[in-house]
């Protein structure tokens, strides 16, 4: 990941392809120390699950699965798990502008 002491946290529920597009954009910028995806989706399609799993396995993201949806709980999990000095919460459906995390 990038040089920033910032952890990006993305709480998500049932967003599939939109979530993947958001993560791809963030990975391309390579600005965050880590990207935490706090996923409350009961089950993804095989394609989405394979993409998230592959990113997780190679260390591009940390894919944390939660059994029940709760945005406050997901945010608290992200805060506890984050390695960065700062946690930047982002929606799962954004197209981040260049330099978002660095800003």
N, C-alpha and C. Protein backbone atom coordinates (compact mmCIF):
# COMPACT_ATOMS: atom_id res chain seq x y z
N UNK A 1 0.83 -1.19 0.00
CA UNK A 1 0.00 0.00 0.00
C UNK A 1 0.88 1.25 0.00
N UNK A 2 0.22 2.38 0.11
CA UNK A 2 0.92 3.66 0.04
C UNK A 2 1.68 3.99 1.31
N UNK A 3 2.18 5.20 1.38
CA UNK A 3 3.01 5.64 2.49
C UNK A 3 2.23 6.29 3.62
N UNK A 4 0.96 6.52 3.43
CA UNK A 4 0.16 7.26 4.39
C UNK A 4 -0.19 6.41 5.61
N UNK A 5 -0.21 7.02 6.80
CA UNK A 5 -0.64 6.29 7.99
C UNK A 5 -2.17 6.26 8.10
N UNK A 6 -2.84 6.26 6.96
CA UNK A 6 -4.30 6.30 6.95
C UNK A 6 -4.86 4.95 6.56
N UNK A 7 -5.81 4.48 7.37
CA UNK A 7 -6.59 3.30 7.02
C UNK A 7 -7.90 3.76 6.42
N UNK A 8 -8.23 3.25 5.26
CA UNK A 8 -9.53 3.52 4.66
C UNK A 8 -10.46 2.40 5.09
N UNK A 9 -11.62 2.76 5.63
CA UNK A 9 -12.61 1.78 6.08
C UNK A 9 -13.87 1.93 5.25
N UNK A 10 -14.35 0.81 4.72
CA UNK A 10 -15.55 0.82 3.90
C UNK A 10 -16.55 -0.18 4.48
N UNK A 11 -17.50 0.31 5.29
CA UNK A 11 -18.59 -0.57 5.71
C UNK A 11 -19.50 -0.80 4.50
N UNK A 12 -19.94 -2.03 4.29
CA UNK A 12 -20.73 -2.32 3.10
C UNK A 12 -21.79 -3.38 3.36
N UNK A 13 -22.85 -3.30 2.57
CA UNK A 13 -23.94 -4.27 2.64
C UNK A 13 -24.58 -4.36 1.26
N UNK A 14 -24.50 -5.53 0.65
CA UNK A 14 -25.17 -5.83 -0.62
C UNK A 14 -24.82 -4.88 -1.76
N UNK A 15 -23.55 -4.55 -1.92
CA UNK A 15 -23.19 -3.60 -2.98
C UNK A 15 -22.44 -4.24 -4.15
N UNK A 16 -21.91 -5.43 -4.01
CA UNK A 16 -21.30 -6.19 -5.09
C UNK A 16 -20.44 -5.41 -6.08
N UNK A 17 -20.91 -5.29 -7.34
CA UNK A 17 -20.10 -4.66 -8.38
C UNK A 17 -19.71 -3.21 -8.07
N UNK A 18 -20.59 -2.48 -7.41
CA UNK A 18 -20.29 -1.09 -7.05
C UNK A 18 -19.13 -1.06 -6.05
N UNK A 19 -19.15 -1.95 -5.08
CA UNK A 19 -18.07 -2.05 -4.10
C UNK A 19 -16.75 -2.38 -4.79
N UNK A 20 -16.78 -3.33 -5.71
CA UNK A 20 -15.56 -3.72 -6.43
C UNK A 20 -14.99 -2.53 -7.19
N UNK A 21 -15.84 -1.75 -7.84
CA UNK A 21 -15.37 -0.57 -8.58
C UNK A 21 -14.73 0.45 -7.64
N UNK A 22 -15.33 0.65 -6.47
CA UNK A 22 -14.77 1.58 -5.49
C UNK A 22 -13.39 1.11 -5.03
N UNK A 23 -13.27 -0.17 -4.71
CA UNK A 23 -11.99 -0.73 -4.26
C UNK A 23 -10.95 -0.61 -5.37
N UNK A 24 -11.32 -0.92 -6.61
CA UNK A 24 -10.37 -0.81 -7.72
C UNK A 24 -9.82 0.61 -7.83
N UNK A 25 -10.70 1.60 -7.69
CA UNK A 25 -10.28 3.00 -7.76
C UNK A 25 -9.30 3.34 -6.65
N UNK A 26 -9.60 2.88 -5.43
CA UNK A 26 -8.72 3.17 -4.30
C UNK A 26 -7.37 2.46 -4.44
N UNK A 27 -7.39 1.22 -4.90
CA UNK A 27 -6.14 0.49 -5.08
C UNK A 27 -5.27 1.15 -6.15
N UNK A 28 -5.88 1.68 -7.18
CA UNK A 28 -5.13 2.35 -8.25
C UNK A 28 -4.41 3.59 -7.72
N UNK A 29 -4.99 4.25 -6.73
CA UNK A 29 -4.36 5.44 -6.17
C UNK A 29 -3.21 5.10 -5.23
N UNK A 30 -3.25 3.94 -4.60
CA UNK A 30 -2.17 3.46 -3.73
C UNK A 30 -1.75 4.50 -2.69
N UNK A 31 -2.72 5.09 -2.01
CA UNK A 31 -2.42 6.15 -1.04
C UNK A 31 -2.63 5.73 0.41
N UNK A 32 -3.42 4.72 0.66
CA UNK A 32 -3.75 4.32 2.04
C UNK A 32 -2.81 3.24 2.54
N UNK A 33 -2.59 3.26 3.86
CA UNK A 33 -1.81 2.18 4.47
C UNK A 33 -2.54 0.86 4.30
N UNK A 34 -3.86 0.91 4.44
CA UNK A 34 -4.66 -0.30 4.27
C UNK A 34 -6.08 0.10 3.87
N UNK A 35 -6.77 -0.86 3.28
CA UNK A 35 -8.19 -0.70 2.97
C UNK A 35 -8.92 -1.82 3.70
N UNK A 36 -9.77 -1.42 4.64
CA UNK A 36 -10.58 -2.37 5.40
C UNK A 36 -11.98 -2.40 4.80
N UNK A 37 -12.41 -3.55 4.37
CA UNK A 37 -13.77 -3.71 3.86
C UNK A 37 -14.53 -4.48 4.93
N UNK A 38 -15.44 -3.79 5.60
CA UNK A 38 -16.23 -4.42 6.67
C UNK A 38 -17.56 -4.81 6.04
N UNK A 39 -17.64 -6.07 5.67
CA UNK A 39 -18.71 -6.59 4.81
C UNK A 39 -19.80 -7.28 5.63
N UNK A 40 -21.00 -6.78 5.47
CA UNK A 40 -22.16 -7.33 6.18
C UNK A 40 -23.10 -8.06 5.24
N UNK A 41 -22.65 -8.30 4.02
CA UNK A 41 -23.45 -8.98 2.99
C UNK A 41 -23.54 -10.46 3.32
N UNK A 42 -24.76 -11.01 3.39
CA UNK A 42 -24.90 -12.44 3.70
C UNK A 42 -24.17 -13.35 2.69
N UNK A 43 -24.30 -13.06 1.40
CA UNK A 43 -23.65 -13.87 0.37
C UNK A 43 -23.49 -13.06 -0.90
N UNK A 44 -22.27 -13.07 -1.44
CA UNK A 44 -21.98 -12.41 -2.71
C UNK A 44 -22.11 -13.41 -3.85
N UNK A 45 -22.19 -12.91 -5.08
CA UNK A 45 -22.09 -13.81 -6.23
C UNK A 45 -20.70 -14.44 -6.20
N UNK A 46 -20.53 -15.54 -6.90
CA UNK A 46 -19.23 -16.20 -6.91
C UNK A 46 -18.14 -15.28 -7.45
N UNK A 47 -18.46 -14.50 -8.47
CA UNK A 47 -17.47 -13.59 -9.06
C UNK A 47 -17.01 -12.52 -8.06
N UNK A 48 -17.95 -11.90 -7.38
CA UNK A 48 -17.61 -10.85 -6.41
C UNK A 48 -16.84 -11.46 -5.23
N UNK A 49 -17.32 -12.57 -4.72
CA UNK A 49 -16.64 -13.23 -3.59
C UNK A 49 -15.21 -13.61 -3.98
N UNK A 50 -15.02 -14.11 -5.20
CA UNK A 50 -13.67 -14.49 -5.65
C UNK A 50 -12.76 -13.27 -5.74
N UNK A 51 -13.28 -12.15 -6.22
CA UNK A 51 -12.48 -10.93 -6.35
C UNK A 51 -12.07 -10.42 -4.98
N UNK A 52 -13.03 -10.33 -4.05
CA UNK A 52 -12.73 -9.86 -2.70
C UNK A 52 -11.75 -10.79 -2.00
N UNK A 53 -11.97 -12.07 -2.15
CA UNK A 53 -11.09 -13.06 -1.53
C UNK A 53 -9.67 -12.97 -2.08
N UNK A 54 -9.53 -12.80 -3.37
CA UNK A 54 -8.21 -12.70 -4.00
C UNK A 54 -7.47 -11.46 -3.48
N UNK A 55 -8.16 -10.33 -3.42
CA UNK A 55 -7.53 -9.12 -2.89
C UNK A 55 -7.10 -9.33 -1.44
N UNK A 56 -7.99 -9.96 -0.66
CA UNK A 56 -7.68 -10.21 0.75
C UNK A 56 -6.45 -11.12 0.88
N UNK A 57 -6.42 -12.18 0.10
CA UNK A 57 -5.32 -13.16 0.19
C UNK A 57 -3.98 -12.53 -0.17
N UNK A 58 -3.96 -11.61 -1.12
CA UNK A 58 -2.68 -11.00 -1.49
C UNK A 58 -2.36 -9.75 -0.66
N UNK A 59 -3.24 -9.41 0.27
CA UNK A 59 -2.97 -8.29 1.17
C UNK A 59 -3.32 -6.92 0.62
N UNK A 60 -4.04 -6.87 -0.48
CA UNK A 60 -4.44 -5.58 -1.05
C UNK A 60 -5.54 -4.92 -0.22
N UNK A 61 -6.40 -5.74 0.37
CA UNK A 61 -7.45 -5.27 1.28
C UNK A 61 -7.50 -6.21 2.48
N UNK A 62 -8.18 -5.76 3.53
CA UNK A 62 -8.54 -6.66 4.63
C UNK A 62 -10.05 -6.78 4.56
N UNK A 63 -10.53 -7.97 4.26
CA UNK A 63 -11.95 -8.25 4.09
C UNK A 63 -12.48 -8.87 5.37
N UNK A 64 -13.20 -8.06 6.14
CA UNK A 64 -13.75 -8.50 7.42
C UNK A 64 -15.24 -8.76 7.23
N UNK A 65 -15.67 -9.96 7.56
CA UNK A 65 -17.07 -10.34 7.38
C UNK A 65 -17.80 -10.28 8.72
N UNK A 66 -18.99 -9.70 8.70
CA UNK A 66 -19.83 -9.63 9.89
C UNK A 66 -21.14 -10.38 9.62
N UNK A 67 -21.64 -11.11 10.61
CA UNK A 67 -22.82 -11.95 10.39
C UNK A 67 -24.15 -11.19 10.32
N UNK A 68 -24.21 -10.02 10.95
CA UNK A 68 -25.47 -9.26 10.97
C UNK A 68 -25.19 -7.80 10.63
N UNK A 69 -26.07 -7.19 9.83
CA UNK A 69 -25.85 -5.79 9.46
C UNK A 69 -26.12 -4.82 10.60
N UNK A 70 -25.17 -3.92 10.79
CA UNK A 70 -25.30 -2.82 11.75
C UNK A 70 -24.19 -1.83 11.42
N UNK A 71 -24.54 -0.67 10.91
CA UNK A 71 -23.53 0.30 10.54
C UNK A 71 -22.69 0.75 11.74
N UNK A 72 -23.29 1.02 12.92
CA UNK A 72 -22.42 1.40 14.05
C UNK A 72 -21.44 0.29 14.44
N UNK A 73 -21.92 -0.96 14.41
CA UNK A 73 -21.04 -2.08 14.74
C UNK A 73 -19.92 -2.20 13.70
N UNK A 74 -20.27 -2.08 12.43
CA UNK A 74 -19.26 -2.18 11.37
C UNK A 74 -18.21 -1.09 11.52
N UNK A 75 -18.64 0.11 11.86
CA UNK A 75 -17.69 1.22 12.04
C UNK A 75 -16.80 0.97 13.26
N UNK A 76 -17.36 0.45 14.32
CA UNK A 76 -16.56 0.14 15.52
C UNK A 76 -15.55 -0.97 15.24
N UNK A 77 -15.96 -1.97 14.47
CA UNK A 77 -15.02 -3.04 14.09
C UNK A 77 -13.86 -2.43 13.30
N UNK A 78 -14.18 -1.56 12.36
CA UNK A 78 -13.13 -0.93 11.55
C UNK A 78 -12.17 -0.13 12.43
N UNK A 79 -12.70 0.61 13.38
CA UNK A 79 -11.84 1.39 14.28
C UNK A 79 -10.92 0.49 15.09
N UNK A 80 -11.45 -0.63 15.58
CA UNK A 80 -10.63 -1.55 16.37
C UNK A 80 -9.56 -2.24 15.53
N UNK A 81 -9.89 -2.57 14.30
CA UNK A 81 -8.99 -3.34 13.45
C UNK A 81 -7.97 -2.50 12.68
N UNK A 82 -8.21 -1.21 12.56
CA UNK A 82 -7.37 -0.35 11.73
C UNK A 82 -5.94 -0.27 12.24
N UNK A 83 -5.00 -0.31 11.32
CA UNK A 83 -3.58 -0.19 11.65
C UNK A 83 -3.09 1.24 11.50
N UNK A 84 -3.79 2.05 10.72
CA UNK A 84 -3.35 3.42 10.47
C UNK A 84 -3.57 4.33 11.66
N UNK A 85 -2.87 5.46 11.66
CA UNK A 85 -3.04 6.47 12.71
C UNK A 85 -4.38 7.18 12.59
N UNK A 86 -4.90 7.23 11.37
CA UNK A 86 -6.17 7.90 11.08
C UNK A 86 -7.04 6.91 10.31
N UNK A 87 -8.34 6.92 10.59
CA UNK A 87 -9.29 6.07 9.85
C UNK A 87 -10.20 6.98 9.04
N UNK A 88 -10.20 6.77 7.74
CA UNK A 88 -11.05 7.51 6.83
C UNK A 88 -12.18 6.60 6.40
N UNK A 89 -13.41 6.91 6.83
CA UNK A 89 -14.57 6.12 6.44
C UNK A 89 -15.08 6.61 5.10
N UNK A 90 -15.29 5.67 4.18
CA UNK A 90 -15.82 6.00 2.86
C UNK A 90 -17.05 5.15 2.58
N UNK A 91 -17.96 5.71 1.82
CA UNK A 91 -19.11 4.94 1.35
C UNK A 91 -18.62 3.90 0.34
N UNK A 92 -19.41 2.85 0.18
CA UNK A 92 -19.01 1.76 -0.71
C UNK A 92 -19.35 2.03 -2.18
N UNK A 93 -19.88 3.20 -2.47
CA UNK A 93 -20.31 3.50 -3.84
C UNK A 93 -19.71 4.79 -4.40
N UNK A 94 -18.52 5.13 -3.95
CA UNK A 94 -17.91 6.38 -4.41
C UNK A 94 -16.94 6.13 -5.56
N UNK A 95 -16.67 7.19 -6.29
CA UNK A 95 -15.57 7.21 -7.26
C UNK A 95 -14.61 8.25 -6.68
N UNK A 96 -13.56 7.78 -6.00
CA UNK A 96 -12.67 8.73 -5.31
C UNK A 96 -11.87 9.57 -6.29
N UNK A 97 -11.83 10.87 -6.01
CA UNK A 97 -11.00 11.76 -6.80
C UNK A 97 -9.54 11.48 -6.51
N UNK A 98 -8.70 11.81 -7.47
CA UNK A 98 -7.26 11.63 -7.29
C UNK A 98 -6.79 12.41 -6.07
N UNK A 99 -6.07 11.76 -5.21
CA UNK A 99 -5.53 12.41 -4.01
C UNK A 99 -6.47 12.47 -2.84
N UNK A 100 -7.61 11.80 -2.91
CA UNK A 100 -8.59 11.84 -1.81
C UNK A 100 -7.96 11.45 -0.48
N UNK A 101 -7.32 10.34 -0.43
CA UNK A 101 -6.74 9.84 0.82
C UNK A 101 -5.57 10.73 1.25
N UNK A 102 -4.75 11.13 0.32
CA UNK A 102 -3.60 11.97 0.64
C UNK A 102 -4.05 13.32 1.21
N UNK A 103 -5.20 13.81 0.75
CA UNK A 103 -5.70 15.11 1.22
C UNK A 103 -6.04 15.01 2.69
